[in-house]
C-alpha atoms as a PDB file:
ATOM      1  CA  UNK A   1     116.733 152.618 105.193  1.00  0.00           C
ATOM      2  CA  UNK A   2     115.956 155.059 102.391  1.00  0.00           C
ATOM      3  CA  UNK A   3     118.112 152.968 100.062  1.00  0.00           C
ATOM      4  CA  UNK A   4     116.316 149.816 101.250  1.00  0.00           C
ATOM      5  CA  UNK A   5     113.072 151.355 100.001  1.00  0.00           C
ATOM      6  CA  UNK A   6     114.845 152.149  96.753  1.00  0.00           C
ATOM      7  CA  UNK A   7     115.943 148.524  96.402  1.00  0.00           C
ATOM      8  CA  UNK A   8     112.393 147.350  97.079  1.00  0.00           C
ATOM      9  CA  UNK A   9     111.330 149.494  94.139  1.00  0.00           C
ATOM     10  CA  UNK A  10     113.978 148.484  91.597  1.00  0.00           C
ATOM     11  CA  UNK A  11     113.809 144.692  91.955  1.00  0.00           C
ATOM     12  CA  UNK A  12     109.990 144.226  91.792  1.00  0.00           C
ATOM     13  CA  UNK A  13     109.580 146.573  88.811  1.00  0.00           C
ATOM     14  CA  UNK A  14     112.775 145.994  86.840  1.00  0.00           C
ATOM     15  CA  UNK A  15     113.795 142.526  87.977  1.00  0.00           C
ATOM     16  CA  UNK A  16     117.253 141.061  88.405  1.00  0.00           C
ATOM     17  CA  UNK A  17     120.072 141.002  85.893  1.00  0.00           C
ATOM     18  CA  UNK A  18     119.622 138.047  83.512  1.00  0.00           C
ATOM     19  CA  UNK A  19     121.668 136.593  80.678  1.00  0.00           C
ATOM     20  CA  UNK A  20     119.139 137.812  78.121  1.00  0.00           C
ATOM     21  CA  UNK A  21     119.152 141.319  79.581  1.00  0.00           C
ATOM     22  CA  UNK A  22     122.950 141.558  79.425  1.00  0.00           C
ATOM     23  CA  UNK A  23     122.874 140.575  75.750  1.00  0.00           C
ATOM     24  CA  UNK A  24     119.912 142.743  74.697  1.00  0.00           C
ATOM     25  CA  UNK A  25     119.871 145.726  77.096  1.00  0.00           C
ATOM     26  CA  UNK A  26     123.244 146.101  78.769  1.00  0.00           C
ATOM     27  CA  UNK A  27     122.594 149.588  80.155  1.00  0.00           C
ATOM     28  CA  UNK A  28     119.453 148.373  81.937  1.00  0.00           C
ATOM     29  CA  UNK A  29     121.452 145.483  83.402  1.00  0.00           C
ATOM     30  CA  UNK A  30     124.145 147.895  84.615  1.00  0.00           C
ATOM     31  CA  UNK A  31     121.493 150.189  86.141  1.00  0.00           C
ATOM     32  CA  UNK A  32     119.848 147.348  88.045  1.00  0.00           C
ATOM     33  CA  UNK A  33     123.192 145.986  89.251  1.00  0.00           C
ATOM     34  CA  UNK A  34     124.339 149.439  90.363  1.00  0.00           C
ATOM     35  CA  UNK A  35     121.124 150.043  92.294  1.00  0.00           C
ATOM     36  CA  UNK A  36     121.583 146.706  94.090  1.00  0.00           C
ATOM     37  CA  UNK A  37     125.157 147.716  94.960  1.00  0.00           C
ATOM     38  CA  UNK A  38     123.704 150.597  96.937  1.00  0.00           C
ATOM     39  CA  UNK A  39     120.647 148.946  98.458  1.00  0.00           C
ATOM     40  CA  UNK A  40     122.144 145.626  99.629  1.00  0.00           C
ATOM     41  CA  UNK A  41     124.678 147.305 101.920  1.00  0.00           C
ATOM     42  CA  UNK A  42     122.158 149.283 103.980  1.00  0.00           C
ATOM     43  CA  UNK A  43     120.775 146.655 106.362  1.00  0.00           C
ATOM     44  CA  UNK A  44     124.248 145.221 107.192  1.00  0.00           C
ATOM     45  CA  UNK A  45     125.485 148.789 107.794  1.00  0.00           C
ATOM     46  CA  UNK A  46     122.849 149.134 110.503  1.00  0.00           C
ATOM     47  CA  UNK A  47     124.213 145.996 112.197  1.00  0.00           C
ATOM     48  CA  UNK A  48     127.822 147.174 111.864  1.00  0.00           C
ATOM     49  CA  UNK A  49     126.827 150.415 113.605  1.00  0.00           C
ATOM     50  CA  UNK A  50     125.333 148.306 116.419  1.00  0.00           C
ATOM     51  CA  UNK A  51     128.605 146.372 116.702  1.00  0.00           C
ATOM     52  CA  UNK A  52     130.754 149.504 116.621  1.00  0.00           C
ATOM     53  CA  UNK A  53     128.910 151.171 119.495  1.00  0.00           C
ATOM     54  CA  UNK A  54     127.819 147.927 121.149  1.00  0.00           C
ATOM     55  CA  UNK A  55     124.347 146.790 122.162  1.00  0.00           C
ATOM     56  CA  UNK A  56     124.219 147.352 125.894  1.00  0.00           C
ATOM     57  CA  UNK A  57     121.531 145.079 127.269  1.00  0.00           C
ATOM     58  CA  UNK A  58     118.927 146.971 129.283  1.00  0.00           C
ATOM     59  CA  UNK A  59     115.284 146.152 129.824  1.00  0.00           C
ATOM     60  CA  UNK A  60     114.359 149.680 128.818  1.00  0.00           C
ATOM     61  CA  UNK A  61     116.089 149.553 125.420  1.00  0.00           C
ATOM     62  CA  UNK A  62     114.865 145.999 124.831  1.00  0.00           C
ATOM     63  CA  UNK A  63     111.283 147.070 125.565  1.00  0.00           C
ATOM     64  CA  UNK A  64     111.760 150.101 123.317  1.00  0.00           C
ATOM     65  CA  UNK A  65     112.683 147.848 120.383  1.00  0.00           C
ATOM     66  CA  UNK A  66     109.591 145.674 120.891  1.00  0.00           C
ATOM     67  CA  UNK A  67     107.411 148.747 121.403  1.00  0.00           C
ATOM     68  CA  UNK A  68     108.696 150.289 118.171  1.00  0.00           C
ATOM     69  CA  UNK A  69     107.646 147.226 116.188  1.00  0.00           C
ATOM     70  CA  UNK A  70     104.325 146.897 118.027  1.00  0.00           C
ATOM     71  CA  UNK A  71     103.519 150.588 117.599  1.00  0.00           C
ATOM     72  CA  UNK A  72     104.090 150.551 113.857  1.00  0.00           C
ATOM     73  CA  UNK A  73     102.288 147.234 113.461  1.00  0.00           C
ATOM     74  CA  UNK A  74      99.155 148.717 114.984  1.00  0.00           C
ATOM     75  CA  UNK A  75      99.627 152.267 113.663  1.00  0.00           C
ATOM     76  CA  UNK A  76      99.986 151.287 110.013  1.00  0.00           C
ATOM     77  CA  UNK A  77      96.920 149.045 110.339  1.00  0.00           C
ATOM     78  CA  UNK A  78      94.875 151.983 111.627  1.00  0.00           C
ATOM     79  CA  UNK A  79      96.194 154.275 108.886  1.00  0.00           C
ATOM     80  CA  UNK A  80      95.189 151.866 106.116  1.00  0.00           C
ATOM     81  CA  UNK A  81      91.848 151.296 107.881  1.00  0.00           C
ATOM     82  CA  UNK A  82      91.244 155.064 107.887  1.00  0.00           C
ATOM     83  CA  UNK A  83      92.110 155.190 104.178  1.00  0.00           C
ATOM     84  CA  UNK A  84      89.439 152.563 103.515  1.00  0.00           C
ATOM     85  CA  UNK A  85      91.877 149.935 102.283  1.00  0.00           C
ATOM     86  CA  UNK A  86      90.363 147.157 104.418  1.00  0.00           C
ATOM     87  CA  UNK A  87      87.766 146.403 107.074  1.00  0.00           C
ATOM     88  CA  UNK A  88      88.492 146.241 110.783  1.00  0.00           C
ATOM     89  CA  UNK A  89      89.511 142.748 111.875  1.00  0.00           C
ATOM     90  CA  UNK A  90      90.574 142.733 115.517  1.00  0.00           C
ATOM     91  CA  UNK A  91      92.558 139.516 115.224  1.00  0.00           C
ATOM     92  CA  UNK A  92      94.595 141.029 112.385  1.00  0.00           C
ATOM     93  CA  UNK A  93      95.248 144.188 114.401  1.00  0.00           C
ATOM     94  CA  UNK A  94      96.482 142.193 117.401  1.00  0.00           C
ATOM     95  CA  UNK A  95      98.609 140.007 115.128  1.00  0.00           C
ATOM     96  CA  UNK A  96     100.294 143.124 113.767  1.00  0.00           C
ATOM     97  CA  UNK A  97     100.958 144.514 117.240  1.00  0.00           C
ATOM     98  CA  UNK A  98     102.426 141.273 118.588  1.00  0.00           C
ATOM     99  CA  UNK A  99     104.157 140.250 115.349  1.00  0.00           C
ATOM    100  CA  UNK A 100     107.546 140.074 117.102  1.00  0.00           C
ATOM    101  CA  UNK A 101     106.361 136.767 118.585  1.00  0.00           C
ATOM    102  CA  UNK A 102     105.995 135.005 115.231  1.00  0.00           C
ATOM    103  CA  UNK A 103     107.511 137.397 112.720  1.00  0.00           C
ATOM    104  CA  UNK A 104     106.342 139.346 109.691  1.00  0.00           C
ATOM    105  CA  UNK A 105     109.659 140.753 108.543  1.00  0.00           C
ATOM    106  CA  UNK A 106     112.778 138.597 108.786  1.00  0.00           C
ATOM    107  CA  UNK A 107     114.794 141.540 110.113  1.00  0.00           C
ATOM    108  CA  UNK A 108     112.720 141.810 113.307  1.00  0.00           C
ATOM    109  CA  UNK A 109     113.515 138.304 114.547  1.00  0.00           C
ATOM    110  CA  UNK A 110     117.109 138.332 113.258  1.00  0.00           C
ATOM    111  CA  UNK A 111     117.970 141.549 115.094  1.00  0.00           C
ATOM    112  CA  UNK A 112     116.086 140.391 118.183  1.00  0.00           C
ATOM    113  CA  UNK A 113     118.270 137.275 118.249  1.00  0.00           C
ATOM    114  CA  UNK A 114     121.373 139.455 117.960  1.00  0.00           C
ATOM    115  CA  UNK A 115     120.119 141.632 120.797  1.00  0.00           C
ATOM    116  CA  UNK A 116     119.721 138.600 123.045  1.00  0.00           C
ATOM    117  CA  UNK A 117     123.236 137.353 122.280  1.00  0.00           C
ATOM    118  CA  UNK A 118     124.927 140.770 122.487  1.00  0.00           C
ATOM    119  CA  UNK A 119     126.049 140.479 126.155  1.00  0.00           C
ATOM    120  CA  UNK A 120     127.991 137.300 125.348  1.00  0.00           C
ATOM    121  CA  UNK A 121     129.605 138.842 122.275  1.00  0.00           C
ATOM    122  CA  UNK A 122     130.440 142.036 124.171  1.00  0.00           C
ATOM    123  CA  UNK A 123     132.224 140.030 126.863  1.00  0.00           C
ATOM    124  CA  UNK A 124     134.344 138.334 124.202  1.00  0.00           C
ATOM    125  CA  UNK A 125     135.086 141.642 122.452  1.00  0.00           C
ATOM    126  CA  UNK A 126     136.172 143.365 125.669  1.00  0.00           C
ATOM    127  CA  UNK A 127     138.661 140.598 126.536  1.00  0.00           C
ATOM    128  CA  UNK A 128     140.073 140.266 123.012  1.00  0.00           C
ATOM    129  CA  UNK A 129     142.822 142.282 121.415  1.00  0.00           C
ATOM    130  CA  UNK A 130     142.354 143.801 117.967  1.00  0.00           C
ATOM    131  CA  UNK A 131     144.468 141.005 116.462  1.00  0.00           C
ATOM    132  CA  UNK A 132     142.454 138.268 118.173  1.00  0.00           C
ATOM    133  CA  UNK A 133     139.228 139.918 117.068  1.00  0.00           C
ATOM    134  CA  UNK A 134     140.512 140.150 113.491  1.00  0.00           C
ATOM    135  CA  UNK A 135     141.201 136.407 113.387  1.00  0.00           C
ATOM    136  CA  UNK A 136     137.746 135.738 114.781  1.00  0.00           C
ATOM    137  CA  UNK A 137     136.095 137.945 112.144  1.00  0.00           C
ATOM    138  CA  UNK A 138     138.117 136.329 109.336  1.00  0.00           C
ATOM    139  CA  UNK A 139     137.313 132.829 110.610  1.00  0.00           C
ATOM    140  CA  UNK A 140     133.604 133.616 110.800  1.00  0.00           C
ATOM    141  CA  UNK A 141     133.378 135.118 107.315  1.00  0.00           C
ATOM    142  CA  UNK A 142     135.443 132.315 105.780  1.00  0.00           C
ATOM    143  CA  UNK A 143     133.085 129.808 107.391  1.00  0.00           C
ATOM    144  CA  UNK A 144     130.033 131.752 106.220  1.00  0.00           C
ATOM    145  CA  UNK A 145     131.402 132.252 102.708  1.00  0.00           C
ATOM    146  CA  UNK A 146     132.019 128.555 102.204  1.00  0.00           C
ATOM    147  CA  UNK A 147     128.920 127.097 103.839  1.00  0.00           C
ATOM    148  CA  UNK A 148     126.502 129.982 103.285  1.00  0.00           C
ATOM    149  CA  UNK A 149     127.509 131.658 100.024  1.00  0.00           C
ATOM    150  CA  UNK A 150     129.108 128.751  98.129  1.00  0.00           C
ATOM    151  CA  UNK A 151     127.357 125.680  99.549  1.00  0.00           C
ATOM    152  CA  UNK A 152     124.136 127.628 100.280  1.00  0.00           C
ATOM    153  CA  UNK A 153     123.236 125.847 103.510  1.00  0.00           C
ATOM    154  CA  UNK A 154     119.740 126.796 104.640  1.00  0.00           C
ATOM    155  CA  UNK A 155     120.907 127.780 108.127  1.00  0.00           C
ATOM    156  CA  UNK A 156     122.350 131.016 106.742  1.00  0.00           C
ATOM    157  CA  UNK A 157     119.184 131.978 104.835  1.00  0.00           C
ATOM    158  CA  UNK A 158     121.313 134.080 102.448  1.00  0.00           C
ATOM    159  CA  UNK A 159     122.287 136.338 105.344  1.00  0.00           C
ATOM    160  CA  UNK A 160     118.738 137.009 106.534  1.00  0.00           C
ATOM    161  CA  UNK A 161     119.268 135.459 109.960  1.00  0.00           C
ATOM    162  CA  UNK A 162     120.865 136.129 113.344  1.00  0.00           C
ATOM    163  CA  UNK A 163     123.842 133.976 112.334  1.00  0.00           C
ATOM    164  CA  UNK A 164     124.986 136.472 109.707  1.00  0.00           C
ATOM    165  CA  UNK A 165     124.191 139.435 111.924  1.00  0.00           C
ATOM    166  CA  UNK A 166     126.700 138.066 114.441  1.00  0.00           C
ATOM    167  CA  UNK A 167     129.428 138.423 111.825  1.00  0.00           C
ATOM    168  CA  UNK A 168     128.523 142.008 111.012  1.00  0.00           C
ATOM    169  CA  UNK A 169     128.323 142.824 114.713  1.00  0.00           C
ATOM    170  CA  UNK A 170     131.827 141.431 115.267  1.00  0.00           C
ATOM    171  CA  UNK A 171     133.054 143.373 112.235  1.00  0.00           C
ATOM    172  CA  UNK A 172     131.694 146.595 113.741  1.00  0.00           C
ATOM    173  CA  UNK A 173     133.419 145.825 117.038  1.00  0.00           C
ATOM    174  CA  UNK A 174     136.688 145.138 115.211  1.00  0.00           C
ATOM    175  CA  UNK A 175     136.502 148.430 113.284  1.00  0.00           C
ATOM    176  CA  UNK A 176     136.251 150.215 116.619  1.00  0.00           C
ATOM    177  CA  UNK A 177     139.383 148.497 118.011  1.00  0.00           C
ATOM    178  CA  UNK A 178     141.646 148.278 114.997  1.00  0.00           C
ATOM    179  CA  UNK A 179     144.492 150.686 114.347  1.00  0.00           C
ATOM    180  CA  UNK A 180     145.239 149.448 110.814  1.00  0.00           C
ATOM    181  CA  UNK A 181     145.668 152.386 108.461  1.00  0.00           C
ATOM    182  CA  UNK A 182     143.405 150.880 105.770  1.00  0.00           C
ATOM    183  CA  UNK A 183     140.449 151.356 108.131  1.00  0.00           C
ATOM    184  CA  UNK A 184     141.322 154.925 109.102  1.00  0.00           C
ATOM    185  CA  UNK A 185     141.418 156.777 105.807  1.00  0.00           C
ATOM    186  CA  UNK A 186     139.554 160.003 105.113  1.00  0.00           C
ATOM    187  CA  UNK A 187     135.970 160.170 103.876  1.00  0.00           C
ATOM    188  CA  UNK A 188     136.925 160.756 100.229  1.00  0.00           C
ATOM    189  CA  UNK A 189     139.150 157.696 100.026  1.00  0.00           C
ATOM    190  CA  UNK A 190     136.606 155.545 101.872  1.00  0.00           C
ATOM    191  CA  UNK A 191     133.909 156.566  99.392  1.00  0.00           C
ATOM    192  CA  UNK A 192     136.241 155.853  96.451  1.00  0.00           C
ATOM    193  CA  UNK A 193     136.873 152.344  97.808  1.00  0.00           C
ATOM    194  CA  UNK A 194     133.139 151.845  98.350  1.00  0.00           C
ATOM    195  CA  UNK A 195     132.361 152.936  94.772  1.00  0.00           C
ATOM    196  CA  UNK A 196     135.257 150.878  93.409  1.00  0.00           C
ATOM    197  CA  UNK A 197     134.001 147.688  95.052  1.00  0.00           C
ATOM    198  CA  UNK A 198     130.498 148.525  93.838  1.00  0.00           C
ATOM    199  CA  UNK A 199     131.780 148.960  90.272  1.00  0.00           C
ATOM    200  CA  UNK A 200     133.572 145.611  90.504  1.00  0.00           C
ATOM    201  CA  UNK A 201     130.326 144.000  91.724  1.00  0.00           C
ATOM    202  CA  UNK A 202     128.432 145.461  88.767  1.00  0.00           C
ATOM    203  CA  UNK A 203     131.010 144.084  86.333  1.00  0.00           C
ATOM    204  CA  UNK A 204     131.042 140.697  88.081  1.00  0.00           C
ATOM    205  CA  UNK A 205     127.251 140.498  88.051  1.00  0.00           C
ATOM    206  CA  UNK A 206     127.007 141.335  84.354  1.00  0.00           C
ATOM    207  CA  UNK A 207     129.896 139.055  83.354  1.00  0.00           C
ATOM    208  CA  UNK A 208     128.621 136.034  85.267  1.00  0.00           C
ATOM    209  CA  UNK A 209     125.184 136.465  83.718  1.00  0.00           C
ATOM    210  CA  UNK A 210     126.723 136.998  80.262  1.00  0.00           C
ATOM    211  CA  UNK A 211     128.359 133.579  80.458  1.00  0.00           C
ATOM    212  CA  UNK A 212     125.302 131.980  82.064  1.00  0.00           C
ATOM    213  CA  UNK A 213     126.841 131.617  85.518  1.00  0.00           C
ATOM    214  CA  UNK A 214     124.141 131.964  88.153  1.00  0.00           C
ATOM    215  CA  UNK A 215     125.978 133.370  91.173  1.00  0.00           C
ATOM    216  CA  UNK A 216     124.444 135.716  93.754  1.00  0.00           C
ATOM    217  CA  UNK A 217     126.928 138.588  93.718  1.00  0.00           C
ATOM    218  CA  UNK A 218     124.373 140.614  95.661  1.00  0.00           C
ATOM    219  CA  UNK A 219     123.437 139.054  98.972  1.00  0.00           C
ATOM    220  CA  UNK A 220     124.068 139.771 102.636  1.00  0.00           C
ATOM    221  CA  UNK A 221     126.715 137.034 102.757  1.00  0.00           C
ATOM    222  CA  UNK A 222     128.577 137.870  99.556  1.00  0.00           C
ATOM    223  CA  UNK A 223     132.237 138.622 100.432  1.00  0.00           C
ATOM    224  CA  UNK A 224     132.255 141.659  98.145  1.00  0.00           C
ATOM    225  CA  UNK A 225     129.114 143.037  99.749  1.00  0.00           C
ATOM    226  CA  UNK A 226     130.582 142.568 103.220  1.00  0.00           C
ATOM    227  CA  UNK A 227     133.685 144.545 102.261  1.00  0.00           C
ATOM    228  CA  UNK A 228     131.614 147.212 100.514  1.00  0.00           C
ATOM    229  CA  UNK A 229     129.374 147.550 103.573  1.00  0.00           C
ATOM    230  CA  UNK A 230     132.395 148.068 105.804  1.00  0.00           C
ATOM    231  CA  UNK A 231     133.617 150.974 103.689  1.00  0.00           C
ATOM    232  CA  UNK A 232     130.175 152.564 103.513  1.00  0.00           C
ATOM    233  CA  UNK A 233     130.204 152.576 107.314  1.00  0.00           C
ATOM    234  CA  UNK A 234     133.760 153.947 107.399  1.00  0.00           C
ATOM    235  CA  UNK A 235     132.767 156.713 104.996  1.00  0.00           C
ATOM    236  CA  UNK A 236     129.831 157.754 107.185  1.00  0.00           C
ATOM    237  CA  UNK A 237     132.064 157.584 110.262  1.00  0.00           C
ATOM    238  CA  UNK A 238     134.805 159.753 108.750  1.00  0.00           C
ATOM    239  CA  UNK A 239     132.531 162.247 106.997  1.00  0.00           C
ATOM    240  CA  UNK A 240     132.339 165.541 108.880  1.00  0.00           C
ATOM    241  CA  UNK A 241     129.357 167.901 108.645  1.00  0.00           C
ATOM    242  CA  UNK A 242     130.182 171.403 109.815  1.00  0.00           C
ATOM    243  CA  UNK A 243     126.841 173.035 109.005  1.00  0.00           C
ATOM    244  CA  UNK A 244     124.695 172.813 112.149  1.00  0.00           C
ATOM    245  CA  UNK A 245     121.364 172.961 110.287  1.00  0.00           C
ATOM    246  CA  UNK A 246     122.328 170.097 108.000  1.00  0.00           C
ATOM    247  CA  UNK A 247     123.641 168.113 110.974  1.00  0.00           C
ATOM    248  CA  UNK A 248     120.363 168.688 112.842  1.00  0.00           C
ATOM    249  CA  UNK A 249     118.332 167.568 109.834  1.00  0.00           C
ATOM    250  CA  UNK A 250     120.405 164.395 109.492  1.00  0.00           C
ATOM    251  CA  UNK A 251     119.990 163.691 113.207  1.00  0.00           C
ATOM    252  CA  UNK A 252     116.214 164.209 112.913  1.00  0.00           C
ATOM    253  CA  UNK A 253     115.909 161.568 110.201  1.00  0.00           C
ATOM    254  CA  UNK A 254     118.614 159.189 111.441  1.00  0.00           C
ATOM    255  CA  UNK A 255     116.944 158.740 114.839  1.00  0.00           C
ATOM    256  CA  UNK A 256     113.795 157.554 113.044  1.00  0.00           C
ATOM    257  CA  UNK A 257     115.325 155.888 109.975  1.00  0.00           C
ATOM    258  CA  UNK A 258     114.124 152.440 111.079  1.00  0.00           C
ATOM    259  CA  UNK A 259     110.575 153.772 110.652  1.00  0.00           C
ATOM    260  CA  UNK A 260     111.091 153.728 106.895  1.00  0.00           C
ATOM    261  CA  UNK A 261     111.314 149.946 106.977  1.00  0.00           C
ATOM    262  CA  UNK A 262     108.528 149.626 109.550  1.00  0.00           C
ATOM    263  CA  UNK A 263     106.067 151.780 107.611  1.00  0.00           C
ATOM    264  CA  UNK A 264     106.892 149.713 104.546  1.00  0.00           C
ATOM    265  CA  UNK A 265     105.893 146.499 106.385  1.00  0.00           C
ATOM    266  CA  UNK A 266     102.445 144.976 107.025  1.00  0.00           C
ATOM    267  CA  UNK A 267      99.659 146.881 105.221  1.00  0.00           C
ATOM    268  CA  UNK A 268     102.084 149.750 104.692  1.00  0.00           C
ATOM    269  CA  UNK A 269     103.519 147.893 101.717  1.00  0.00           C
ATOM    270  CA  UNK A 270     100.097 148.252 100.053  1.00  0.00           C
ATOM    271  CA  UNK A 271     100.329 152.049 100.313  1.00  0.00           C
ATOM    272  CA  UNK A 272     103.918 151.997  99.062  1.00  0.00           C
ATOM    273  CA  UNK A 273     103.265 149.787  96.041  1.00  0.00           C
ATOM    274  CA  UNK A 274      99.804 151.129  95.166  1.00  0.00           C
ATOM    275  CA  UNK A 275     101.338 154.549  94.565  1.00  0.00           C
ATOM    276  CA  UNK A 276     104.271 153.026  92.669  1.00  0.00           C
ATOM    277  CA  UNK A 277     101.850 151.017  90.509  1.00  0.00           C
ATOM    278  CA  UNK A 278      99.927 154.172  89.691  1.00  0.00           C
ATOM    279  CA  UNK A 279     103.150 155.997  88.783  1.00  0.00           C
ATOM    280  CA  UNK A 280     104.363 153.164  86.564  1.00  0.00           C
ATOM    281  CA  UNK A 281     101.053 153.100  84.700  1.00  0.00           C
ATOM    282  CA  UNK A 282     100.122 156.778  84.391  1.00  0.00           C
ATOM    283  CA  UNK A 283     103.300 158.876  84.511  1.00  0.00           C
ATOM    284  CA  UNK A 284     105.608 159.631  81.590  1.00  0.00           C
ATOM    285  CA  UNK A 285     108.803 159.648  83.644  1.00  0.00           C
ATOM    286  CA  UNK A 286     108.082 156.899  86.182  1.00  0.00           C
ATOM    287  CA  UNK A 287     111.634 156.522  87.506  1.00  0.00           C
ATOM    288  CA  UNK A 288     112.022 160.178  88.537  1.00  0.00           C
ATOM    289  CA  UNK A 289     108.538 160.425  90.041  1.00  0.00           C
ATOM    290  CA  UNK A 290     108.992 157.067  91.803  1.00  0.00           C
ATOM    291  CA  UNK A 291     112.214 158.303  93.400  1.00  0.00           C
ATOM    292  CA  UNK A 292     110.385 161.411  94.618  1.00  0.00           C
ATOM    293  CA  UNK A 293     107.654 159.198  96.089  1.00  0.00           C
ATOM    294  CA  UNK A 294     110.243 156.998  97.847  1.00  0.00           C
ATOM    295  CA  UNK A 295     111.853 160.056  99.450  1.00  0.00           C
ATOM    296  CA  UNK A 296     108.426 161.424 100.456  1.00  0.00           C
ATOM    297  CA  UNK A 297     107.414 158.046 101.902  1.00  0.00           C
ATOM    298  CA  UNK A 298     110.602 157.952 103.987  1.00  0.00           C
ATOM    299  CA  UNK A 299     110.120 161.537 105.220  1.00  0.00           C
ATOM    300  CA  UNK A 300     106.507 160.822 106.228  1.00  0.00           C
ATOM    301  CA  UNK A 301     107.626 157.693 108.106  1.00  0.00           C
ATOM    302  CA  UNK A 302     110.287 159.624 110.037  1.00  0.00           C
ATOM    303  CA  UNK A 303     107.864 162.427 110.915  1.00  0.00           C
ATOM    304  CA  UNK A 304     105.155 159.993 112.083  1.00  0.00           C
ATOM    305  CA  UNK A 305     107.755 158.136 114.134  1.00  0.00           C
ATOM    306  CA  UNK A 306     108.090 161.196 116.350  1.00  0.00           C
ATOM    307  CA  UNK A 307     104.613 160.310 117.626  1.00  0.00           C
ATOM    308  CA  UNK A 308     105.998 156.944 118.664  1.00  0.00           C
ATOM    309  CA  UNK A 309     108.944 158.609 120.405  1.00  0.00           C
ATOM    310  CA  UNK A 310     106.619 160.996 122.251  1.00  0.00           C
ATOM    311  CA  UNK A 311     104.426 158.127 123.498  1.00  0.00           C
ATOM    312  CA  UNK A 312     107.443 156.050 124.529  1.00  0.00           C
ATOM    313  CA  UNK A 313     108.997 158.899 126.489  1.00  0.00           C
ATOM    314  CA  UNK A 314     105.688 159.464 128.272  1.00  0.00           C
ATOM    315  CA  UNK A 315     105.411 155.776 129.134  1.00  0.00           C
ATOM    316  CA  UNK A 316     108.974 155.730 130.495  1.00  0.00           C
ATOM    317  CA  UNK A 317     108.331 158.784 132.666  1.00  0.00           C
ATOM    318  CA  UNK A 318     105.107 157.247 133.966  1.00  0.00           C
ATOM    319  CA  UNK A 319     106.436 153.814 134.889  1.00  0.00           C
ATOM    320  CA  UNK A 320     110.153 154.393 135.477  1.00  0.00           C
ATOM    321  CA  UNK A 321     110.379 157.760 137.174  1.00  0.00           C
ATOM    322  CA  UNK A 322     107.200 157.509 139.264  1.00  0.00           C
END
């Protein structure tokens, strides 16, 4: 989610790669394309992780997901109210808290749809062999590539919908079952493949724009991005951390990583971009300082999310164990 915040900084302030940019400022075009290679794989990686471990449908975990969104919807409203960024409007506060009913961020509803369908997918995965699952994954992505990426049918919403999440979920399940050697390499080789695909995407993005071809190399349904996402996940899976302090720090932030996106939603985006606007206008080295702000914003979100975890655990103990 940290890289998602990074992507939400690069695109608004530096734009997308254009034909003019490739001709006049190639290094800027390469920088933007490279940053998108890193940021566009983060959200699908989260879904692949869900598919690898499986979403096990329980009322408690389902309620926890809704509570997490509701908590941050109300919490970020109160934070911005305290900072004097707006007046108190009760209807707006309640809309934030119950936003999962009508949506503020496309990810909330898309992942909720995946959560509801997970028991059906899990039943199919459990009864299928690795080979059968592979053919299913290939069939799905071929279908999505043609109708979603090439024909651009609105049902796919460029990958920002439950439909595409189903594919990533199946891919995660397949990576858990498969014994193919190409999916069981060491961390170094997995990272090299990830970077290699990313480099190819950068070249493809710049070349297509150079010749005036408007093709979305970077999207959640781009075949290259799907493959790159898979190897980012495989790298994280195969990477071993032997230092206990570093492992504990990673666990601390990983358990609250979703908070980075949540704090960046609703009125939280005003905090995020107000600071970035100030940096862009008043600082000599805006890129470096902006990156420091993005990291700080993510750390603050993860720390504040521990409040949410504390409240949730108390609620569970009160209503479940008593």
